[in-house]
Amino acid sequence: MEHDQIQKMISEECDKVKELLLRKNEEYGDSAFFPKRIFSKASPIEQIKVRIDDKLSRLSNDSPKTIPEDTVQDLIGYLIIMKVAQRIHQ
């Protein structure tokens, strides 16, 4: 595989995650960054870390051949969301 092809694939995967995050943020509002705190009083960053832990747990419990693609994409998305939340809540 050529370098240019790999560069294109990296760009495509980044675009997919970006589109997913923007779509979900539109659907759910800014709830990851400013949660309602009805049950949990944890900070937004702590709540995001719990979601990341859940995704990592799911990855560790599945064999590499059965890991759903959306789990990997969700994990990447939550890591980006955490970076944005850290910028918001400095």
C-alpha atoms as a PDB file:
ATOM      1  CA  MET A   1       0.000   0.000   0.000  1.00  0.00           C
ATOM      2  CA  GLU A   2       1.316   3.422  -0.909  1.00  0.00           C
ATOM      3  CA  HIS A   3       1.909   6.286   1.494  1.00  0.00           C
ATOM      4  CA  ASP A   4      -0.696   8.490  -0.240  1.00  0.00           C
ATOM      5  CA  GLN A   5      -3.341   5.793   0.155  1.00  0.00           C
ATOM      6  CA  ILE A   6      -2.623   5.509   3.868  1.00  0.00           C
ATOM      7  CA  GLN A   7      -2.787   9.297   4.253  1.00  0.00           C
ATOM      8  CA  LYS A   8      -6.167   9.284   2.528  1.00  0.00           C
ATOM      9  CA  MET A   9      -7.455   6.496   4.784  1.00  0.00           C
ATOM     10  CA  ILE A  10      -6.341   8.399   7.905  1.00  0.00           C
ATOM     11  CA  SER A  11      -8.145  11.487   6.670  1.00  0.00           C
ATOM     12  CA  GLU A  12     -11.313   9.496   5.912  1.00  0.00           C
ATOM     13  CA  GLU A  13     -11.383   7.925   9.384  1.00  0.00           C
ATOM     14  CA  CYS A  14     -10.899  11.320  11.040  1.00  0.00           C
ATOM     15  CA  ASP A  15     -13.738  12.735   8.937  1.00  0.00           C
ATOM     16  CA  LYS A  16     -16.033   9.873  10.007  1.00  0.00           C
ATOM     17  CA  VAL A  17     -15.381  10.547  13.696  1.00  0.00           C
ATOM     18  CA  LYS A  18     -15.855  14.292  13.184  1.00  0.00           C
ATOM     19  CA  GLU A  19     -19.178  13.743  11.406  1.00  0.00           C
ATOM     20  CA  LEU A  20     -20.341  11.361  14.163  1.00  0.00           C
ATOM     21  CA  LEU A  21     -19.435  13.803  16.948  1.00  0.00           C
ATOM     22  CA  LEU A  22     -21.069  16.770  15.248  1.00  0.00           C
ATOM     23  CA  ARG A  23     -24.229  14.767  14.512  1.00  0.00           C
ATOM     24  CA  LYS A  24     -24.495  13.453  18.081  1.00  0.00           C
ATOM     25  CA  ASN A  25     -23.811  16.894  19.545  1.00  0.00           C
ATOM     26  CA  GLU A  26     -26.605  18.273  17.371  1.00  0.00           C
ATOM     27  CA  GLU A  27     -28.966  15.499  18.515  1.00  0.00           C
ATOM     28  CA  TYR A  28     -28.075  15.619  22.226  1.00  0.00           C
ATOM     29  CA  GLY A  29     -27.032  19.228  22.562  1.00  0.00           C
ATOM     30  CA  ASP A  30     -24.014  19.956  24.685  1.00  0.00           C
ATOM     31  CA  SER A  31     -25.020  17.385  27.308  1.00  0.00           C
ATOM     32  CA  ALA A  32     -21.565  15.798  27.498  1.00  0.00           C
ATOM     33  CA  PHE A  33     -20.087  19.180  28.405  1.00  0.00           C
ATOM     34  CA  PHE A  34     -22.954  20.517  30.523  1.00  0.00           C
ATOM     35  CA  PRO A  35     -24.879  17.509  31.933  1.00  0.00           C
ATOM     36  CA  LYS A  36     -28.217  17.997  33.713  1.00  0.00           C
ATOM     37  CA  ARG A  37     -26.859  16.249  36.842  1.00  0.00           C
ATOM     38  CA  ILE A  38     -30.182  14.671  37.747  1.00  0.00           C
ATOM     39  CA  PHE A  39     -28.637  11.528  39.293  1.00  0.00           C
ATOM     40  CA  SER A  40     -24.888  11.936  39.022  1.00  0.00           C
ATOM     41  CA  LYS A  41     -23.163  14.935  40.529  1.00  0.00           C
ATOM     42  CA  ALA A  42     -19.807  14.039  38.975  1.00  0.00           C
ATOM     43  CA  SER A  43     -18.052  16.629  36.854  1.00  0.00           C
ATOM     44  CA  PRO A  44     -18.493  16.461  33.080  1.00  0.00           C
ATOM     45  CA  ILE A  45     -14.916  15.232  32.697  1.00  0.00           C
ATOM     46  CA  GLU A  46     -15.432  12.461  35.264  1.00  0.00           C
ATOM     47  CA  GLN A  47     -18.634  11.399  33.494  1.00  0.00           C
ATOM     48  CA  ILE A  48     -16.775  11.245  30.172  1.00  0.00           C
ATOM     49  CA  LYS A  49     -14.042   9.163  31.821  1.00  0.00           C
ATOM     50  CA  VAL A  50     -16.709   6.684  32.974  1.00  0.00           C
ATOM     51  CA  ARG A  51     -17.942   6.370  29.394  1.00  0.00           C
ATOM     52  CA  ILE A  52     -14.359   5.812  28.219  1.00  0.00           C
ATOM     53  CA  ASP A  53     -13.902   3.137  30.907  1.00  0.00           C
ATOM     54  CA  ASP A  54     -17.094   1.424  29.700  1.00  0.00           C
ATOM     55  CA  LYS A  55     -15.812   1.367  26.116  1.00  0.00           C
ATOM     56  CA  LEU A  56     -12.396   0.071  27.203  1.00  0.00           C
ATOM     57  CA  SER A  57     -14.064  -2.620  29.277  1.00  0.00           C
ATOM     58  CA  ARG A  58     -16.114  -3.684  26.280  1.00  0.00           C
ATOM     59  CA  LEU A  59     -12.968  -3.808  24.136  1.00  0.00           C
ATOM     60  CA  SER A  60     -11.101  -5.905  26.699  1.00  0.00           C
ATOM     61  CA  ASN A  61     -13.973  -8.393  27.040  1.00  0.00           C
ATOM     62  CA  ASP A  62     -14.391  -9.039  23.314  1.00  0.00           C
ATOM     63  CA  SER A  63     -11.996 -10.906  21.104  1.00  0.00           C
ATOM     64  CA  PRO A  64     -10.303  -8.727  18.471  1.00  0.00           C
ATOM     65  CA  LYS A  65     -12.404 -10.366  15.754  1.00  0.00           C
ATOM     66  CA  THR A  66     -15.727  -9.534  17.439  1.00  0.00           C
ATOM     67  CA  ILE A  67     -15.132  -5.920  18.510  1.00  0.00           C
ATOM     68  CA  PRO A  68     -17.874  -3.847  16.906  1.00  0.00           C
ATOM     69  CA  GLU A  69     -16.579  -0.980  14.774  1.00  0.00           C
ATOM     70  CA  ASP A  70     -18.853   1.471  16.576  1.00  0.00           C
ATOM     71  CA  THR A  71     -17.141   0.685  19.890  1.00  0.00           C
ATOM     72  CA  VAL A  72     -13.778   1.762  18.495  1.00  0.00           C
ATOM     73  CA  GLN A  73     -15.271   4.839  16.865  1.00  0.00           C
ATOM     74  CA  ASP A  74     -17.140   5.746  20.073  1.00  0.00           C
ATOM     75  CA  LEU A  75     -13.930   5.433  22.094  1.00  0.00           C
ATOM     76  CA  ILE A  76     -12.085   7.758  19.721  1.00  0.00           C
ATOM     77  CA  GLY A  77     -15.023  10.151  19.924  1.00  0.00           C
ATOM     78  CA  TYR A  78     -15.103  10.163  23.730  1.00  0.00           C
ATOM     79  CA  LEU A  79     -11.370  10.892  23.856  1.00  0.00           C
ATOM     80  CA  ILE A  80     -11.924  13.912  21.620  1.00  0.00           C
ATOM     81  CA  ILE A  81     -14.918  14.974  23.710  1.00  0.00           C
ATOM     82  CA  MET A  82     -12.740  14.765  26.827  1.00  0.00           C
ATOM     83  CA  LYS A  83     -10.152  17.066  25.248  1.00  0.00           C
ATOM     84  CA  VAL A  84     -12.877  19.593  24.394  1.00  0.00           C
ATOM     85  CA  ALA A  85     -14.381  19.299  27.897  1.00  0.00           C
ATOM     86  CA  GLN A  86     -10.958  19.949  29.414  1.00  0.00           C
ATOM     87  CA  ARG A  87     -10.695  23.127  27.359  1.00  0.00           C
ATOM     88  CA  ILE A  88     -14.176  24.236  28.429  1.00  0.00           C
ATOM     89  CA  HIS A  89     -13.774  23.430  32.133  1.00  0.00           C
ATOM     90  CA  GLN A  90     -10.185  24.572  32.748  1.00  0.00           C
END
